Protein backbone atom coordinates (compact mmCIF):
# COMPACT_ATOMS: atom_id res chain seq x y z
CA MET A 1 0.03 0.42 -0.25
CA GLY A 2 1.52 3.61 -0.80
CA LYS A 3 2.08 6.18 1.53
CA ILE A 4 -1.00 8.21 0.34
CA ALA A 5 -3.47 5.73 0.20
CA LYS A 6 -1.80 4.55 3.89
CA THR A 7 -2.21 7.96 5.13
CA PHE A 8 -6.04 8.26 4.01
CA THR A 9 -7.07 4.87 5.13
CA ALA A 10 -5.46 4.61 8.82
CA PRO A 11 -7.68 7.50 10.46
CA LEU A 12 -10.65 5.75 9.09
CA GLY A 13 -9.68 2.31 10.55
CA LYS A 14 -7.57 1.57 13.10
CA GLU A 15 -5.86 4.91 14.01
CA ASN A 16 -9.43 6.48 14.21
CA PRO A 17 -9.62 9.36 16.25
CA VAL A 18 -12.67 8.49 18.30
CA TYR A 19 -12.84 5.28 18.80
CA ALA A 20 -8.93 3.80 18.72
CA GLN A 21 -7.67 7.11 20.02
CA VAL A 22 -10.61 8.42 21.95
CA LEU A 23 -10.09 11.96 20.90
CA GLY A 24 -12.66 14.20 20.40
CA ILE A 25 -15.20 13.15 23.26
CA CYS A 26 -16.57 16.33 24.14
CA SER A 27 -18.15 16.94 20.99
CA THR A 28 -19.47 13.30 20.78
CA LEU A 29 -21.61 14.06 23.96
CA ALA A 30 -22.43 17.45 23.36
CA VAL A 31 -23.67 17.40 19.52
CA THR A 32 -24.76 14.20 18.59
CA ASN A 33 -28.01 14.17 20.10
CA ASN A 34 -29.12 15.55 16.90
CA LEU A 35 -28.35 14.51 13.38
CA LYS A 36 -28.55 17.76 11.79
CA ASN A 37 -26.34 19.37 14.16
CA THR A 38 -23.95 16.89 14.19
CA MET A 39 -23.52 17.09 10.23
CA VAL A 40 -22.76 20.96 10.64
CA MET A 41 -20.07 20.16 13.41
CA VAL A 42 -18.27 17.60 11.79
CA LEU A 43 -18.11 19.41 8.65
CA GLY A 44 -16.76 22.16 10.57
CA VAL A 45 -14.22 20.08 12.03
CA MET A 46 -13.18 18.23 8.90
CA PHE A 47 -12.40 22.10 7.56
CA THR A 48 -10.66 23.12 9.97
CA THR A 49 -8.61 19.52 10.18
CA THR A 50 -7.95 19.65 6.30
CA LEU A 51 -6.84 23.08 6.32
CA SER A 52 -5.20 23.50 9.96
CA SER A 53 -3.16 20.68 8.97
CA PHE A 54 -1.92 21.78 5.32
CA THR A 55 -1.41 25.35 6.69
CA PHE A 56 0.82 23.69 9.49
CA SER A 57 2.96 21.63 6.94
CA LEU A 58 3.57 24.46 4.80
CA LEU A 59 4.46 26.86 7.78
CA ARG A 60 6.20 24.01 10.07
CA LYS A 61 10.09 25.19 8.89
CA VAL A 62 9.61 28.52 9.73
CA ILE A 63 7.70 28.47 13.00
CA PRO A 64 10.06 28.52 15.67
CA ALA A 65 9.74 25.52 17.91
CA ARG A 66 9.44 27.71 21.33
CA ILE A 67 6.07 28.76 19.78
CA ARG A 68 5.09 26.19 17.85
CA MET A 69 2.05 25.34 20.17
CA ILE A 70 0.83 29.20 20.01
CA GLY A 71 1.50 28.87 16.28
CA GLU A 72 -0.90 25.90 15.96
CA THR A 73 -3.51 27.34 17.88
CA MET A 74 -3.66 30.35 15.98
CA ILE A 75 -3.84 28.63 12.65
CA ILE A 76 -6.86 26.54 14.09
CA ALA A 77 -8.64 29.73 15.43
CA THR A 78 -8.53 31.07 11.97
CA PHE A 79 -10.53 28.25 10.50
CA VAL A 80 -12.70 28.12 12.99
CA ILE A 81 -13.42 31.73 13.00
CA ILE A 82 -14.43 31.22 9.01
CA VAL A 83 -16.58 28.35 10.45
CA ASP A 84 -18.06 30.72 12.85
CA ILE A 85 -18.78 33.27 10.44
CA VAL A 86 -20.35 31.23 7.96
CA LEU A 87 -22.55 29.51 10.75
CA LYS A 88 -24.05 32.52 11.91
CA ALA A 89 -24.16 33.95 8.40
CA TYR A 90 -26.01 31.36 6.63
CA MET A 91 -27.26 29.02 9.26
CA PRO A 92 -28.15 31.28 12.41
CA GLU A 93 -30.76 28.96 13.91
CA ILE A 94 -27.87 25.82 13.82
CA TRP A 95 -25.71 28.28 14.93
CA GLN A 96 -27.42 29.31 18.21
CA GLN A 97 -28.19 25.49 18.75
CA LEU A 98 -24.34 24.82 18.66
CA GLY A 99 -23.69 27.46 21.01
CA PRO A 100 -19.92 27.44 22.10
CA TYR A 101 -19.19 23.85 20.72
CA VAL A 102 -18.01 25.54 17.30
CA GLY A 103 -15.60 27.53 19.43
CA LEU A 104 -14.06 24.48 21.45
CA ILE A 105 -13.19 22.87 17.89
CA ILE A 106 -10.14 25.12 18.66
CA THR A 107 -9.17 22.83 21.67
CA ASN A 108 -10.29 19.53 19.69
CA CYS A 109 -7.63 17.09 20.62
CA ILE A 110 -7.75 15.66 16.94
CA VAL A 111 -7.31 18.76 15.38
CA MET A 112 -4.08 19.81 17.32
CA GLY A 113 -2.80 15.76 17.33
CA ARG A 114 -2.83 15.56 13.83
CA MET A 115 -0.87 18.71 13.65
CA GLU A 116 1.41 17.53 16.20
CA ALA A 117 1.81 14.03 15.28
CA PHE A 118 1.80 14.27 11.38
CA ALA A 119 1.62 17.54 9.53
CA SER A 120 4.63 19.11 12.09
CA ALA A 121 7.05 15.92 10.15
CA ASN A 122 5.43 15.69 6.53
CA PRO A 123 5.03 17.65 3.56
CA PRO A 124 1.58 19.60 3.05
CA GLY A 125 -0.06 17.41 0.27
CA LEU A 126 -0.01 14.21 2.53
CA SER A 127 -1.30 16.79 5.99
CA LEU A 128 -3.96 17.37 3.74
CA ILE A 129 -4.69 14.00 3.05
CA ASP A 130 -4.23 13.03 6.81
CA GLY A 131 -6.60 16.09 8.02
CA LEU A 132 -9.21 15.23 5.78
CA ALA A 133 -8.95 11.67 6.39
CA SER A 134 -8.76 12.48 10.51
CA GLY A 135 -11.72 14.27 9.86
CA MET A 136 -13.94 11.91 7.95
CA GLY A 137 -12.89 9.06 10.60
CA TYR A 138 -14.40 11.64 13.25
CA ALA A 139 -17.45 12.48 11.00
CA TYR A 140 -18.50 9.03 10.36
CA VAL A 141 -18.33 7.85 13.71
CA LEU A 142 -20.24 11.01 15.23
CA LEU A 143 -22.70 10.38 12.63
CA ILE A 144 -23.45 6.76 13.34
CA ILE A 145 -23.93 8.00 16.99
CA ALA A 146 -26.16 10.92 16.50
CA PHE A 147 -28.48 8.46 14.21
CA PHE A 148 -29.03 5.96 16.82
CA ARG A 149 -29.33 8.92 19.30
CA GLU A 150 -31.96 11.12 17.81
CA LEU A 151 -33.72 7.91 16.48
CA LEU A 152 -34.19 6.43 20.31
CA GLY A 153 -34.02 9.79 22.20
CA SER A 154 -36.69 11.87 19.99
CA GLY A 155 -38.27 8.94 17.24
CA THR A 156 -36.82 10.98 14.35
CA ILE A 157 -34.26 11.26 11.63
CA TRP A 158 -33.05 14.80 10.61
CA GLY A 159 -36.04 15.90 12.51
CA PHE A 160 -38.40 14.22 10.63
CA SER A 161 -40.71 11.53 12.53
CA VAL A 162 -40.00 7.77 11.72
CA LEU A 163 -41.09 5.87 14.71
CA GLY A 164 -44.53 7.55 15.10
CA ASP A 165 -46.59 7.42 17.97
CA TRP A 166 -46.04 3.74 19.08
CA TRP A 167 -42.95 4.43 19.96
CA THR A 168 -41.60 5.37 23.44
CA ASN A 169 -38.61 7.84 23.12
CA TRP A 170 -35.75 6.88 25.38
CA ALA A 171 -35.25 10.08 26.87
CA ILE A 172 -31.54 8.88 28.49
CA MET A 173 -30.11 8.92 24.49
CA ILE A 174 -30.73 12.54 24.36
CA THR A 175 -28.75 13.19 27.49
CA ALA A 176 -24.86 13.04 28.13
CA PRO A 177 -24.91 9.53 29.42
CA GLY A 178 -26.61 8.35 26.28
CA ALA A 179 -23.64 9.52 24.16
CA PHE A 180 -21.12 7.82 26.66
CA PHE A 181 -23.63 4.12 26.24
CA MET A 182 -23.15 4.97 22.22
CA LEU A 183 -19.90 5.67 22.13
CA ALA A 184 -19.15 2.41 24.11
CA ILE A 185 -21.36 0.15 22.10
CA PHE A 186 -20.03 1.92 19.03
CA ILE A 187 -15.87 0.92 20.18
CA TRP A 188 -17.06 -2.62 21.86
CA ILE A 189 -18.62 -3.71 18.08
CA VAL A 190 -15.97 -1.97 16.15
CA LYS A 191 -13.15 -4.05 18.55
CA GLY A 192 -15.13 -6.94 18.38
CA ARG A 193 -14.62 -7.11 14.79
CA GLU A 194 -11.14 -6.48 14.62
CA GLU A 195 -10.56 -9.01 17.08
CA ALA A 196 -12.62 -11.73 15.23
């Protein structure tokens, strides 16, 4: 397998930032009770992770080591501000629902982790691929969790009623413990398949 293919596939599988490295848990708990909000959040994280890794890789040789972390934070903050402005301008209702969680992308361990672990030692093209793949790995895990949390907790998908009146909503699924349960079940299933 070539380096590009390995760089792209690793974060989607055995090196997934959420279920293998257990990073980005804050947003897993915060936004996955609603599929629409989760989709917006994961697109924001994908955008930020991809472009932050690419930008840092471009600048890695000119940023002094003693201010590397500050440089990384500034790069991430720039892209998060862009996401925040676009959401506020074009999706104000979702922007209000997500509240401070968009701003917390700055502190998301996945974004900083990929910059430290990969972009700081690899060329811009590979760093862009790694950032995109890490964002996608984060995205599919959160979307699966959000799908089941919204379905079981509200009886809806994307805000549309799916289960009807016969279904009794599981209130725990739209609270933080529901996110923990779904993440634990997801990790259990994935790890079980890997060991089989």
